[in-house]
Structure formats: structure tokens, C-alpha cells
Amino acid sequence: MQNKGRGSFISFEGIDGSGKSTQIELVKKYLHKSKKKVLFTREPGGTFEAELIRKLILSKNKKIKFDDKTEILLLLAARYEHYKKLIEPAITNGKIIICDRFIDSTLAYQCAGNNELKEFYFQISKPLINNFEPDLTILLDISPTKALERINKRKNKNKYDNKNLSFFSNVRKGYNQLAKNNSRIQKLNALSDKNILAEKIRKLIISLLK
């Protein structure tokens, strides 16, 4: 990934309410000032087709109830569209990509604590995107209690925003386990002052891009 001429891929992760959107906006302002070739995207989504799948996955329609493996397949379908049509070409052209959620979200949200689902995910995911991983993942860690306080203040909510404390506790455990096993994942305290947190994130990005 760090070969000359190739770009860099940075993902932001965390449970809902961790402040990803705020920090990504601050990174956006910083990188735009630097005049680097930067692309901001998200998952599920990032392309027209993937955004259609996103609407289906995040629908609040109570009649829509996917099996766990079906939801993983939908996420992987959206990711493949995203990877082939946007990520891979941009990386090849030397761009920096900042992505709101990527592979770790699927593992933490859909597979945490379930080895059968993890095996199912890896069996399909690895050949689908050629073992592609971010160069750097910023994990904003927050207690589920604090996260829910933030979520409850939101006006527009998706189906995950209505999950309970137990659900987010399990997702957080999944993220922490991933962070222990992956050096690319840098875990930061999401409750830090937002400007201090932004400076730590900038330093990690600068270090990667040197």
C-alpha cells in the first residue's frame, strides 16, 4: 500500500455516538488546507449502487428483518461496489482516502462474539476485496452509556441508533478485541476535548503520509 505512487487509506471507527463525524470534518478542513488529493467516503455507501444498499440495510421499517448472514452479504455487496468503483481506482491514482467505517465495523457490529459469523465473513470478504485493509484505522473509544446520551439527542436516527446498552457494549468489546490484534488500529479516547483529539489524529495521519 505504501509503494511509491500509491495512495493511502484511512478509516474511522467507533460505536454510534463516538464522534466520528465531528473528527472527520476536522480532518477534512486540515487536509484541504494541505492541498493534498483527498477523497472522503463512507460505508455502507460511497457509490450510487452502494448507497442504495445502505438505505435498505439502515431502514427503520420494522417489516424488514434480515438474517444475520444476509445482512453481512448485503454489506459485502455494498463494499465490493465501493472498493471496485471508488477505492481501488483512487488508491492507484495516489489519492488519500478517508472512510467513515470499513471492514472493522462489519466485524464489530455484525460478527462480535460469534465465531461462525466471523468465519462466514472472512471466507467471502478476503477474496472479494483481495485482503485489502486500511493503512491506518482511528478507533474512537467511548463508553456505551455516554454514547447513548449523545445518540438520544439526535433528531434523525437509523435502526442502530435505537439499539440498547447491551448491544453497544458488545460492539465495543468487538472493537477493543480488534484493536488488540491489529497494529493499524489506533484507539483514542472519544471523550477527550475535541481539539486535543483532533491534534492526536492529525499527528497519526502526518506520520502515515511521511
N, C-alpha and C. Protein backbone atom coordinates (compact mmCIF):
# COMPACT_ATOMS: atom_id res chain seq x y z
N MET A 1 0.82 -1.20 0.00
CA MET A 1 0.00 0.00 0.00
C MET A 1 0.86 1.26 0.00
N GLN A 2 2.00 1.21 0.61
CA GLN A 2 2.85 2.39 0.69
C GLN A 2 3.87 2.49 -0.44
N ASN A 3 3.66 1.70 -1.50
CA ASN A 3 4.55 1.80 -2.65
C ASN A 3 4.46 3.19 -3.27
N LYS A 4 5.56 3.62 -3.87
CA LYS A 4 5.61 4.94 -4.49
C LYS A 4 4.51 5.07 -5.53
N GLY A 5 3.79 6.19 -5.46
CA GLY A 5 2.74 6.44 -6.43
C GLY A 5 1.37 5.98 -5.97
N ARG A 6 1.33 5.12 -4.99
CA ARG A 6 0.04 4.64 -4.49
C ARG A 6 -0.46 5.53 -3.36
N GLY A 7 -1.76 5.54 -3.20
CA GLY A 7 -2.35 6.39 -2.17
C GLY A 7 -2.39 5.72 -0.81
N SER A 8 -3.14 6.32 0.10
CA SER A 8 -3.28 5.79 1.46
C SER A 8 -4.76 5.74 1.83
N PHE A 9 -5.10 4.74 2.62
CA PHE A 9 -6.49 4.55 3.02
C PHE A 9 -6.59 4.61 4.55
N ILE A 10 -7.39 5.55 5.04
CA ILE A 10 -7.56 5.75 6.48
C ILE A 10 -9.03 5.59 6.83
N SER A 11 -9.32 4.74 7.79
CA SER A 11 -10.71 4.56 8.21
C SER A 11 -10.93 5.08 9.62
N PHE A 12 -12.15 5.52 9.88
CA PHE A 12 -12.57 5.94 11.21
C PHE A 12 -13.61 4.95 11.71
N GLU A 13 -13.43 4.50 12.96
CA GLU A 13 -14.34 3.52 13.53
C GLU A 13 -14.78 3.93 14.94
N GLY A 14 -15.83 3.29 15.41
CA GLY A 14 -16.33 3.55 16.76
C GLY A 14 -17.81 3.26 16.83
N ILE A 15 -18.32 3.03 18.03
CA ILE A 15 -19.75 2.80 18.16
C ILE A 15 -20.48 4.10 17.86
N ASP A 16 -21.76 4.00 17.54
CA ASP A 16 -22.55 5.19 17.27
C ASP A 16 -22.47 6.13 18.48
N GLY A 17 -22.30 7.43 18.20
CA GLY A 17 -22.18 8.40 19.28
C GLY A 17 -20.75 8.66 19.71
N SER A 18 -19.79 8.07 19.01
CA SER A 18 -18.38 8.23 19.40
C SER A 18 -17.77 9.54 18.87
N GLY A 19 -18.47 10.21 17.97
CA GLY A 19 -17.96 11.49 17.47
C GLY A 19 -17.15 11.39 16.19
N LYS A 20 -17.34 10.31 15.44
CA LYS A 20 -16.60 10.14 14.19
C LYS A 20 -16.84 11.29 13.21
N SER A 21 -18.10 11.64 13.05
CA SER A 21 -18.45 12.69 12.07
C SER A 21 -17.77 14.01 12.39
N THR A 22 -17.73 14.36 13.67
CA THR A 22 -17.07 15.61 14.09
C THR A 22 -15.59 15.58 13.75
N GLN A 23 -14.92 14.49 14.08
CA GLN A 23 -13.48 14.40 13.84
C GLN A 23 -13.16 14.30 12.34
N ILE A 24 -14.00 13.64 11.59
CA ILE A 24 -13.77 13.57 10.14
C ILE A 24 -13.89 14.96 9.51
N GLU A 25 -14.83 15.76 10.00
CA GLU A 25 -14.97 17.13 9.50
C GLU A 25 -13.72 17.96 9.80
N LEU A 26 -13.14 17.77 10.99
CA LEU A 26 -11.92 18.50 11.36
C LEU A 26 -10.74 18.03 10.50
N VAL A 27 -10.67 16.74 10.22
CA VAL A 27 -9.62 16.21 9.34
C VAL A 27 -9.80 16.78 7.93
N LYS A 28 -11.04 16.87 7.50
CA LYS A 28 -11.35 17.40 6.17
C LYS A 28 -10.81 18.83 6.02
N LYS A 29 -11.06 19.66 7.04
CA LYS A 29 -10.59 21.04 7.00
C LYS A 29 -9.06 21.09 6.95
N TYR A 30 -8.43 20.25 7.75
CA TYR A 30 -6.96 20.23 7.81
C TYR A 30 -6.35 19.78 6.49
N LEU A 31 -6.85 18.69 5.93
CA LEU A 31 -6.26 18.14 4.71
C LEU A 31 -6.55 19.01 3.48
N HIS A 32 -7.69 19.67 3.48
CA HIS A 32 -7.98 20.58 2.35
C HIS A 32 -7.02 21.76 2.33
N LYS A 33 -6.62 22.20 3.52
CA LYS A 33 -5.63 23.28 3.60
C LYS A 33 -4.27 22.82 3.09
N SER A 34 -3.98 21.54 3.27
CA SER A 34 -2.68 21.00 2.84
C SER A 34 -2.60 20.80 1.33
N LYS A 35 -3.75 20.94 0.64
CA LYS A 35 -3.84 20.81 -0.82
C LYS A 35 -3.45 19.42 -1.33
N LYS A 36 -3.61 18.42 -0.47
CA LYS A 36 -3.36 17.04 -0.90
C LYS A 36 -4.60 16.50 -1.64
N LYS A 37 -4.40 15.48 -2.45
CA LYS A 37 -5.52 14.86 -3.15
C LYS A 37 -6.24 13.92 -2.18
N VAL A 38 -7.38 14.39 -1.66
CA VAL A 38 -8.09 13.64 -0.63
C VAL A 38 -9.52 13.33 -1.07
N LEU A 39 -9.94 12.13 -0.77
CA LEU A 39 -11.30 11.71 -1.08
C LEU A 39 -11.95 11.26 0.22
N PHE A 40 -13.13 11.79 0.52
CA PHE A 40 -13.88 11.40 1.71
C PHE A 40 -15.07 10.54 1.31
N THR A 41 -15.24 9.42 1.99
CA THR A 41 -16.31 8.50 1.63
C THR A 41 -16.83 7.81 2.89
N ARG A 42 -17.76 6.88 2.71
CA ARG A 42 -18.34 6.20 3.88
C ARG A 42 -18.82 4.81 3.51
N GLU A 43 -19.05 4.02 4.57
CA GLU A 43 -19.65 2.70 4.39
C GLU A 43 -20.76 2.48 5.41
N PRO A 44 -21.81 1.71 5.07
CA PRO A 44 -22.04 1.28 3.69
C PRO A 44 -22.38 2.49 2.83
N GLY A 45 -21.92 2.46 1.60
CA GLY A 45 -22.15 3.57 0.68
C GLY A 45 -20.90 3.90 -0.11
N GLY A 46 -20.84 5.14 -0.59
CA GLY A 46 -19.67 5.60 -1.32
C GLY A 46 -19.85 5.65 -2.82
N THR A 47 -20.74 4.81 -3.34
CA THR A 47 -21.11 4.85 -4.76
C THR A 47 -22.63 4.84 -4.84
N PHE A 48 -23.17 5.16 -5.99
CA PHE A 48 -24.62 5.19 -6.14
C PHE A 48 -25.25 3.86 -5.76
N GLU A 49 -24.67 2.78 -6.29
CA GLU A 49 -25.22 1.45 -6.03
C GLU A 49 -25.10 1.07 -4.55
N ALA A 50 -23.95 1.37 -3.96
CA ALA A 50 -23.73 1.04 -2.55
C ALA A 50 -24.65 1.86 -1.63
N GLU A 51 -24.95 3.08 -2.03
CA GLU A 51 -25.85 3.91 -1.23
C GLU A 51 -27.28 3.35 -1.26
N LEU A 52 -27.67 2.74 -2.37
CA LEU A 52 -28.98 2.09 -2.43
C LEU A 52 -29.06 0.94 -1.43
N ILE A 53 -27.96 0.17 -1.35
CA ILE A 53 -27.91 -0.94 -0.39
C ILE A 53 -27.91 -0.39 1.03
N ARG A 54 -27.24 0.72 1.25
CA ARG A 54 -27.20 1.37 2.58
C ARG A 54 -28.63 1.67 3.07
N LYS A 55 -29.43 2.25 2.18
CA LYS A 55 -30.81 2.60 2.56
C LYS A 55 -31.59 1.36 3.00
N LEU A 56 -31.34 0.27 2.31
CA LEU A 56 -32.02 -0.99 2.64
C LEU A 56 -31.57 -1.51 4.00
N ILE A 57 -30.26 -1.51 4.24
CA ILE A 57 -29.70 -2.03 5.49
C ILE A 57 -30.13 -1.18 6.69
N LEU A 58 -30.12 0.13 6.53
CA LEU A 58 -30.41 1.03 7.66
C LEU A 58 -31.88 1.42 7.78
N SER A 59 -32.72 0.83 6.96
CA SER A 59 -34.14 1.15 7.00
C SER A 59 -34.74 0.90 8.39
N LYS A 60 -35.62 1.82 8.81
CA LYS A 60 -36.29 1.67 10.10
C LYS A 60 -37.63 0.92 9.96
N ASN A 61 -37.90 0.43 8.75
CA ASN A 61 -39.11 -0.34 8.51
C ASN A 61 -39.06 -1.64 9.32
N LYS A 62 -39.95 -1.78 10.26
CA LYS A 62 -39.93 -2.95 11.16
C LYS A 62 -40.27 -4.26 10.46
N LYS A 63 -40.81 -4.16 9.24
CA LYS A 63 -41.12 -5.37 8.48
C LYS A 63 -39.86 -5.98 7.87
N ILE A 64 -38.78 -5.16 7.78
CA ILE A 64 -37.53 -5.66 7.21
C ILE A 64 -36.69 -6.26 8.32
N LYS A 65 -36.52 -7.55 8.30
CA LYS A 65 -35.74 -8.26 9.31
C LYS A 65 -34.85 -9.27 8.62
N PHE A 66 -33.60 -8.86 8.35
CA PHE A 66 -32.67 -9.75 7.65
C PHE A 66 -32.06 -10.77 8.60
N ASP A 67 -31.80 -11.95 8.09
CA ASP A 67 -30.98 -12.92 8.81
C ASP A 67 -29.58 -12.33 8.95
N ASP A 68 -28.85 -12.73 9.98
CA ASP A 68 -27.51 -12.18 10.24
C ASP A 68 -26.59 -12.33 9.04
N LYS A 69 -26.62 -13.50 8.41
CA LYS A 69 -25.74 -13.73 7.26
C LYS A 69 -26.20 -12.93 6.05
N THR A 70 -27.49 -12.72 5.92
CA THR A 70 -27.99 -11.90 4.81
C THR A 70 -27.49 -10.46 4.95
N GLU A 71 -27.51 -9.95 6.17
CA GLU A 71 -27.04 -8.57 6.39
C GLU A 71 -25.56 -8.45 6.07
N ILE A 72 -24.78 -9.45 6.44
CA ILE A 72 -23.35 -9.45 6.10
C ILE A 72 -23.17 -9.46 4.59
N LEU A 73 -23.95 -10.28 3.91
CA LEU A 73 -23.85 -10.35 2.44
C LEU A 73 -24.21 -9.01 1.79
N LEU A 74 -25.21 -8.34 2.33
CA LEU A 74 -25.59 -7.02 1.80
C LEU A 74 -24.46 -6.01 2.02
N LEU A 75 -23.87 -6.04 3.19
CA LEU A 75 -22.75 -5.13 3.48
C LEU A 75 -21.56 -5.41 2.57
N LEU A 76 -21.30 -6.68 2.32
CA LEU A 76 -20.19 -7.05 1.44
C LEU A 76 -20.47 -6.69 -0.02
N ALA A 77 -21.73 -6.77 -0.41
CA ALA A 77 -22.10 -6.34 -1.76
C ALA A 77 -21.86 -4.85 -1.93
N ALA A 78 -22.27 -4.07 -0.93
CA ALA A 78 -22.03 -2.63 -0.95
C ALA A 78 -20.53 -2.33 -0.96
N ARG A 79 -19.78 -3.09 -0.17
CA ARG A 79 -18.33 -2.87 -0.08
C ARG A 79 -17.64 -3.19 -1.40
N TYR A 80 -18.07 -4.24 -2.06
CA TYR A 80 -17.44 -4.60 -3.33
C TYR A 80 -17.66 -3.48 -4.36
N GLU A 81 -18.87 -2.96 -4.44
CA GLU A 81 -19.15 -1.84 -5.34
C GLU A 81 -18.25 -0.65 -5.00
N HIS A 82 -18.14 -0.36 -3.73
CA HIS A 82 -17.34 0.75 -3.22
C HIS A 82 -15.86 0.56 -3.55
N TYR A 83 -15.39 -0.65 -3.28
CA TYR A 83 -13.97 -0.96 -3.49
C TYR A 83 -13.59 -0.91 -4.97
N LYS A 84 -14.37 -1.59 -5.82
CA LYS A 84 -14.02 -1.68 -7.24
C LYS A 84 -14.19 -0.37 -7.99
N LYS A 85 -15.20 0.39 -7.65
CA LYS A 85 -15.52 1.58 -8.42
C LYS A 85 -14.92 2.88 -7.87
N LEU A 86 -14.60 2.89 -6.58
CA LEU A 86 -14.08 4.13 -5.99
C LEU A 86 -12.73 3.95 -5.31
N ILE A 87 -12.65 3.02 -4.38
CA ILE A 87 -11.42 2.89 -3.57
C ILE A 87 -10.22 2.46 -4.38
N GLU A 88 -10.33 1.35 -5.08
CA GLU A 88 -9.18 0.82 -5.83
C GLU A 88 -8.65 1.81 -6.87
N PRO A 89 -9.52 2.45 -7.69
CA PRO A 89 -9.01 3.43 -8.65
C PRO A 89 -8.35 4.63 -7.98
N ALA A 90 -8.94 5.09 -6.87
CA ALA A 90 -8.38 6.26 -6.18
C ALA A 90 -7.02 5.95 -5.57
N ILE A 91 -6.89 4.78 -4.97
CA ILE A 91 -5.61 4.36 -4.39
C ILE A 91 -4.55 4.26 -5.48
N THR A 92 -4.91 3.67 -6.60
CA THR A 92 -3.99 3.53 -7.73
C THR A 92 -3.53 4.88 -8.25
N ASN A 93 -4.40 5.88 -8.17
CA ASN A 93 -4.07 7.23 -8.64
C ASN A 93 -3.42 8.10 -7.57
N GLY A 94 -3.03 7.49 -6.46
CA GLY A 94 -2.26 8.21 -5.44
C GLY A 94 -3.04 9.07 -4.50
N LYS A 95 -4.34 8.88 -4.42
CA LYS A 95 -5.16 9.72 -3.54
C LYS A 95 -5.15 9.21 -2.10
N ILE A 96 -5.41 10.13 -1.18
CA ILE A 96 -5.63 9.77 0.22
C ILE A 96 -7.13 9.59 0.39
N ILE A 97 -7.54 8.47 0.94
CA ILE A 97 -8.96 8.21 1.16
C ILE A 97 -9.25 8.17 2.65
N ILE A 98 -10.24 8.96 3.07
CA ILE A 98 -10.71 8.94 4.45
C ILE A 98 -12.10 8.33 4.43
N CYS A 99 -12.28 7.22 5.13
CA CYS A 99 -13.55 6.50 5.07
C CYS A 99 -14.20 6.38 6.44
N ASP A 100 -15.45 6.79 6.51
CA ASP A 100 -16.25 6.66 7.74
C ASP A 100 -16.79 5.23 7.78
N ARG A 101 -16.14 4.39 8.54
CA ARG A 101 -16.40 2.95 8.69
C ARG A 101 -15.85 2.14 7.51
N PHE A 102 -15.39 0.93 7.85
CA PHE A 102 -14.93 0.00 6.81
C PHE A 102 -15.05 -1.42 7.39
N ILE A 103 -14.06 -2.26 7.14
CA ILE A 103 -14.18 -3.69 7.50
C ILE A 103 -14.39 -3.93 8.99
N ASP A 104 -13.80 -3.10 9.85
CA ASP A 104 -13.90 -3.32 11.29
C ASP A 104 -15.32 -3.13 11.80
N SER A 105 -16.08 -2.26 11.16
CA SER A 105 -17.48 -2.07 11.56
C SER A 105 -18.28 -3.35 11.37
N THR A 106 -18.05 -4.03 10.26
CA THR A 106 -18.78 -5.27 10.00
C THR A 106 -18.42 -6.32 11.05
N LEU A 107 -17.15 -6.40 11.37
CA LEU A 107 -16.71 -7.38 12.37
C LEU A 107 -17.25 -7.04 13.76
N ALA A 108 -17.28 -5.75 14.11
CA ALA A 108 -17.73 -5.35 15.45
C ALA A 108 -19.25 -5.39 15.58
N TYR A 109 -19.95 -4.94 14.55
CA TYR A 109 -21.40 -4.85 14.64
C TYR A 109 -22.11 -6.16 14.28
N GLN A 110 -21.68 -6.79 13.20
CA GLN A 110 -22.40 -7.98 12.72
C GLN A 110 -21.82 -9.30 13.24
N CYS A 111 -20.54 -9.30 13.65
CA CYS A 111 -19.88 -10.57 13.97
C CYS A 111 -19.37 -10.70 15.41
N ALA A 112 -19.43 -9.63 16.19
CA ALA A 112 -18.83 -9.66 17.53
C ALA A 112 -19.38 -10.80 18.37
N GLY A 113 -18.46 -11.59 18.92
CA GLY A 113 -18.85 -12.68 19.81
C GLY A 113 -19.41 -13.90 19.12
N ASN A 114 -19.37 -13.92 17.80
CA ASN A 114 -19.93 -15.06 17.06
C ASN A 114 -18.90 -15.57 16.05
N ASN A 115 -18.20 -16.61 16.41
CA ASN A 115 -17.12 -17.14 15.56
C ASN A 115 -17.64 -17.67 14.23
N GLU A 116 -18.84 -18.23 14.24
CA GLU A 116 -19.40 -18.75 12.99
C GLU A 116 -19.61 -17.61 11.98
N LEU A 117 -20.12 -16.47 12.45
CA LEU A 117 -20.34 -15.33 11.57
C LEU A 117 -19.01 -14.73 11.12
N LYS A 118 -18.01 -14.74 12.00
CA LYS A 118 -16.68 -14.24 11.61
C LYS A 118 -16.08 -15.08 10.49
N GLU A 119 -16.17 -16.40 10.64
CA GLU A 119 -15.65 -17.30 9.61
C GLU A 119 -16.39 -17.10 8.28
N PHE A 120 -17.70 -16.93 8.37
CA PHE A 120 -18.52 -16.69 7.19
C PHE A 120 -18.08 -15.39 6.51
N TYR A 121 -17.89 -14.35 7.32
CA TYR A 121 -17.46 -13.04 6.79
C TYR A 121 -16.10 -13.14 6.08
N PHE A 122 -15.11 -13.71 6.75
CA PHE A 122 -13.76 -13.77 6.19
C PHE A 122 -13.70 -14.64 4.93
N GLN A 123 -14.47 -15.71 4.92
CA GLN A 123 -14.48 -16.61 3.77
C GLN A 123 -14.89 -15.87 2.49
N ILE A 124 -15.82 -14.94 2.63
CA ILE A 124 -16.31 -14.20 1.47
C ILE A 124 -15.53 -12.91 1.24
N SER A 125 -15.21 -12.23 2.32
CA SER A 125 -14.60 -10.90 2.22
C SER A 125 -13.19 -10.90 1.64
N LYS A 126 -12.36 -11.80 2.11
CA LYS A 126 -10.94 -11.77 1.71
C LYS A 126 -10.74 -11.87 0.19
N PRO A 127 -11.33 -12.86 -0.48
CA PRO A 127 -11.15 -12.90 -1.95
C PRO A 127 -11.88 -11.78 -2.68
N LEU A 128 -12.96 -11.28 -2.07
CA LEU A 128 -13.79 -10.25 -2.71
C LEU A 128 -13.03 -8.95 -2.89
N ILE A 129 -12.25 -8.55 -1.86
CA ILE A 129 -11.52 -7.28 -1.94
C ILE A 129 -9.99 -7.49 -1.84
N ASN A 130 -9.57 -8.69 -2.17
CA ASN A 130 -8.13 -9.01 -2.24
C ASN A 130 -7.37 -8.73 -0.94
N ASN A 131 -7.98 -9.08 0.18
CA ASN A 131 -7.36 -8.88 1.50
C ASN A 131 -7.06 -7.41 1.80
N PHE A 132 -7.74 -6.50 1.13
CA PHE A 132 -7.48 -5.07 1.32
C PHE A 132 -7.86 -4.63 2.73
N GLU A 133 -6.96 -3.85 3.35
CA GLU A 133 -7.20 -3.29 4.68
C GLU A 133 -6.75 -1.83 4.70
N PRO A 134 -7.26 -1.05 5.64
CA PRO A 134 -6.77 0.33 5.77
C PRO A 134 -5.29 0.35 6.18
N ASP A 135 -4.61 1.44 5.83
CA ASP A 135 -3.24 1.63 6.31
C ASP A 135 -3.25 2.10 7.75
N LEU A 136 -4.32 2.82 8.10
CA LEU A 136 -4.48 3.35 9.45
C LEU A 136 -5.96 3.38 9.78
N THR A 137 -6.28 2.92 10.99
CA THR A 137 -7.67 2.99 11.47
C THR A 137 -7.69 3.76 12.78
N ILE A 138 -8.50 4.82 12.81
CA ILE A 138 -8.69 5.61 14.03
C ILE A 138 -9.93 5.08 14.72
N LEU A 139 -9.75 4.48 15.90
CA LEU A 139 -10.87 3.95 16.67
C LEU A 139 -11.18 4.91 17.81
N LEU A 140 -12.33 5.54 17.76
CA LEU A 140 -12.75 6.45 18.82
C LEU A 140 -13.54 5.65 19.85
N ASP A 141 -12.93 5.48 21.00
CA ASP A 141 -13.49 4.62 22.04
C ASP A 141 -14.30 5.44 23.04
N ILE A 142 -15.51 4.97 23.33
CA ILE A 142 -16.40 5.67 24.26
C ILE A 142 -17.23 4.65 25.00
N SER A 143 -17.60 4.96 26.24
CA SER A 143 -18.46 4.05 26.98
C SER A 143 -19.85 4.06 26.35
N PRO A 144 -20.51 2.92 26.28
CA PRO A 144 -21.84 2.85 25.69
C PRO A 144 -22.84 3.79 26.37
N THR A 145 -22.69 3.99 27.67
CA THR A 145 -23.60 4.88 28.40
C THR A 145 -23.50 6.31 27.86
N LYS A 146 -22.27 6.80 27.71
CA LYS A 146 -22.05 8.15 27.18
C LYS A 146 -22.50 8.23 25.72
N ALA A 147 -22.25 7.16 24.98
CA ALA A 147 -22.64 7.14 23.57
C ALA A 147 -24.16 7.27 23.43
N LEU A 148 -24.89 6.54 24.27
CA LEU A 148 -26.35 6.59 24.21
C LEU A 148 -26.88 7.97 24.60
N GLU A 149 -26.19 8.64 25.51
CA GLU A 149 -26.59 10.01 25.87
C GLU A 149 -26.52 10.91 24.64
N ARG A 150 -25.47 10.74 23.85
CA ARG A 150 -25.30 11.54 22.63
C ARG A 150 -26.34 11.15 21.58
N ILE A 151 -26.53 9.84 21.41
CA ILE A 151 -27.47 9.34 20.41
C ILE A 151 -28.89 9.85 20.67
N ASN A 152 -29.27 9.87 21.94
CA ASN A 152 -30.64 10.27 22.30
C ASN A 152 -30.93 11.74 22.00
N LYS A 153 -29.87 12.52 21.76
CA LYS A 153 -30.05 13.93 21.42
C LYS A 153 -30.22 14.14 19.90
N ARG A 154 -30.01 13.08 19.13
CA ARG A 154 -30.11 13.19 17.68
C ARG A 154 -31.56 13.30 17.22
N LYS A 155 -31.77 14.08 16.17
CA LYS A 155 -33.10 14.21 15.59
C LYS A 155 -33.36 13.10 14.58
N ASN A 156 -32.36 12.84 13.74
CA ASN A 156 -32.51 11.80 12.72
C ASN A 156 -31.76 10.54 13.15
N LYS A 157 -32.48 9.46 13.30
CA LYS A 157 -31.88 8.21 13.77
C LYS A 157 -32.10 7.09 12.76
N ASN A 158 -31.09 6.18 12.68
CA ASN A 158 -31.27 4.97 11.89
C ASN A 158 -31.54 3.81 12.85
N LYS A 159 -31.68 2.61 12.31
CA LYS A 159 -32.08 1.49 13.17
C LYS A 159 -31.05 1.16 14.25
N TYR A 160 -29.77 1.45 14.00
CA TYR A 160 -28.75 1.16 15.01
C TYR A 160 -28.79 2.14 16.17
N ASP A 161 -29.27 3.35 15.91
CA ASP A 161 -29.38 4.34 16.97
C ASP A 161 -30.41 3.93 18.02
N ASN A 162 -31.28 3.02 17.67
CA ASN A 162 -32.32 2.57 18.61
C ASN A 162 -31.94 1.30 19.37
N LYS A 163 -30.69 0.86 19.20
CA LYS A 163 -30.22 -0.33 19.93
C LYS A 163 -30.00 0.01 21.40
N ASN A 164 -29.96 -1.04 22.24
CA ASN A 164 -29.84 -0.81 23.68
C ASN A 164 -28.39 -0.86 24.17
N LEU A 165 -28.23 -0.64 25.47
CA LEU A 165 -26.91 -0.60 26.09
C LEU A 165 -26.14 -1.90 25.91
N SER A 166 -26.82 -3.01 26.04
CA SER A 166 -26.18 -4.32 25.90
C SER A 166 -25.59 -4.49 24.50
N PHE A 167 -26.34 -4.05 23.49
CA PHE A 167 -25.87 -4.17 22.10
C PHE A 167 -24.57 -3.38 21.92
N PHE A 168 -24.56 -2.12 22.34
CA PHE A 168 -23.38 -1.29 22.14
C PHE A 168 -22.19 -1.74 23.00
N SER A 169 -22.49 -2.33 24.15
CA SER A 169 -21.41 -2.88 24.98
C SER A 169 -20.71 -4.03 24.26
N ASN A 170 -21.50 -4.86 23.59
CA ASN A 170 -20.97 -5.99 22.84
C ASN A 170 -20.15 -5.51 21.63
N VAL A 171 -20.64 -4.47 20.95
CA VAL A 171 -19.93 -3.92 19.81
C VAL A 171 -18.60 -3.31 20.26
N ARG A 172 -18.63 -2.61 21.38
CA ARG A 172 -17.39 -2.01 21.90
C ARG A 172 -16.36 -3.09 22.22
N LYS A 173 -16.81 -4.19 22.81
CA LYS A 173 -15.90 -5.31 23.10
C LYS A 173 -15.28 -5.84 21.81
N GLY A 174 -16.11 -5.91 20.77
CA GLY A 174 -15.61 -6.36 19.47
C GLY A 174 -14.53 -5.45 18.95
N TYR A 175 -14.75 -4.15 19.03
CA TYR A 175 -13.75 -3.18 18.59
C TYR A 175 -12.46 -3.28 19.40
N ASN A 176 -12.59 -3.40 20.71
CA ASN A 176 -11.40 -3.48 21.56
C ASN A 176 -10.58 -4.73 21.27
N GLN A 177 -11.26 -5.82 20.95
CA GLN A 177 -10.56 -7.06 20.59
C GLN A 177 -9.81 -6.87 19.28
N LEU A 178 -10.43 -6.21 18.32
CA LEU A 178 -9.79 -5.92 17.04
C LEU A 178 -8.55 -5.05 17.24
N ALA A 179 -8.67 -4.06 18.11
CA ALA A 179 -7.56 -3.13 18.37
C ALA A 179 -6.36 -3.86 18.99
N LYS A 180 -6.64 -4.84 19.83
CA LYS A 180 -5.57 -5.62 20.46
C LYS A 180 -4.79 -6.43 19.44
N ASN A 181 -5.46 -6.87 18.39
CA ASN A 181 -4.85 -7.77 17.42
C ASN A 181 -4.38 -7.11 16.13
N ASN A 182 -4.56 -5.79 16.00
CA ASN A 182 -4.19 -5.09 14.77
C ASN A 182 -3.43 -3.81 15.07
N SER A 183 -2.17 -3.77 14.70
CA SER A 183 -1.35 -2.58 14.96
C SER A 183 -1.80 -1.36 14.16
N ARG A 184 -2.53 -1.59 13.06
CA ARG A 184 -3.01 -0.45 12.26
C ARG A 184 -4.11 0.33 12.98
N ILE A 185 -4.74 -0.29 13.99
CA ILE A 185 -5.84 0.35 14.71
C ILE A 185 -5.29 1.14 15.90
N GLN A 186 -5.50 2.44 15.87
CA GLN A 186 -5.07 3.32 16.95
C GLN A 186 -6.30 3.77 17.74
N LYS A 187 -6.38 3.31 18.98
CA LYS A 187 -7.54 3.61 19.82
C LYS A 187 -7.33 4.90 20.60
N LEU A 188 -8.30 5.80 20.50
CA LEU A 188 -8.22 7.10 21.18
C LEU A 188 -9.48 7.32 22.02
N ASN A 189 -9.33 8.07 23.09
CA ASN A 189 -10.45 8.37 23.98
C ASN A 189 -11.39 9.38 23.33
N ALA A 190 -12.59 8.95 23.00
CA ALA A 190 -13.54 9.82 22.30
C ALA A 190 -14.07 10.94 23.18
N LEU A 191 -13.86 10.84 24.50
CA LEU A 191 -14.35 11.87 25.41
C LEU A 191 -13.33 12.97 25.67
N SER A 192 -12.17 12.86 25.04
CA SER A 192 -11.17 13.93 25.15
C SER A 192 -11.72 15.20 24.51
N ASP A 193 -11.15 16.34 24.89
CA ASP A 193 -11.50 17.60 24.24
C ASP A 193 -11.35 17.43 22.73
N LYS A 194 -12.34 17.89 21.97
CA LYS A 194 -12.36 17.59 20.54
C LYS A 194 -11.15 18.15 19.78
N ASN A 195 -10.62 19.28 20.24
CA ASN A 195 -9.45 19.87 19.57
C ASN A 195 -8.16 19.11 19.91
N ILE A 196 -8.07 18.64 21.15
CA ILE A 196 -6.92 17.82 21.56
C ILE A 196 -6.95 16.49 20.80
N LEU A 197 -8.14 15.92 20.70
CA LEU A 197 -8.32 14.67 19.97
C LEU A 197 -7.97 14.86 18.49
N ALA A 198 -8.41 15.97 17.93
CA ALA A 198 -8.13 16.26 16.51
C ALA A 198 -6.63 16.37 16.26
N GLU A 199 -5.90 16.95 17.20
CA GLU A 199 -4.45 17.09 17.06
C GLU A 199 -3.76 15.73 17.09
N LYS A 200 -4.22 14.84 17.95
CA LYS A 200 -3.66 13.48 18.01
C LYS A 200 -3.91 12.74 16.68
N ILE A 201 -5.10 12.93 16.14
CA ILE A 201 -5.45 12.29 14.87
C ILE A 201 -4.59 12.85 13.74
N ARG A 202 -4.40 14.17 13.74
CA ARG A 202 -3.56 14.80 12.71
C ARG A 202 -2.14 14.23 12.75
N LYS A 203 -1.59 14.05 13.95
CA LYS A 203 -0.23 13.53 14.09
C LYS A 203 -0.12 12.11 13.55
N LEU A 204 -1.15 11.30 13.80
CA LEU A 204 -1.16 9.93 13.27
C LEU A 204 -1.21 9.92 11.75
N ILE A 205 -2.01 10.83 11.19
CA ILE A 205 -2.13 10.90 9.73
C ILE A 205 -0.84 11.42 9.11
N ILE A 206 -0.25 12.45 9.72
CA ILE A 206 1.01 13.00 9.22
C ILE A 206 2.09 11.93 9.23
N SER A 207 2.15 11.15 10.31
CA SER A 207 3.14 10.09 10.43
C SER A 207 2.97 9.05 9.32
N LEU A 208 1.72 8.73 9.01
CA LEU A 208 1.44 7.75 7.94
C LEU A 208 1.86 8.27 6.58
N LEU A 209 1.61 9.56 6.33
CA LEU A 209 1.80 10.11 5.00
C LEU A 209 3.25 10.54 4.72
N LYS A 210 4.11 10.50 5.71
CA LYS A 210 5.53 10.89 5.51
C LYS A 210 6.20 9.94 4.53
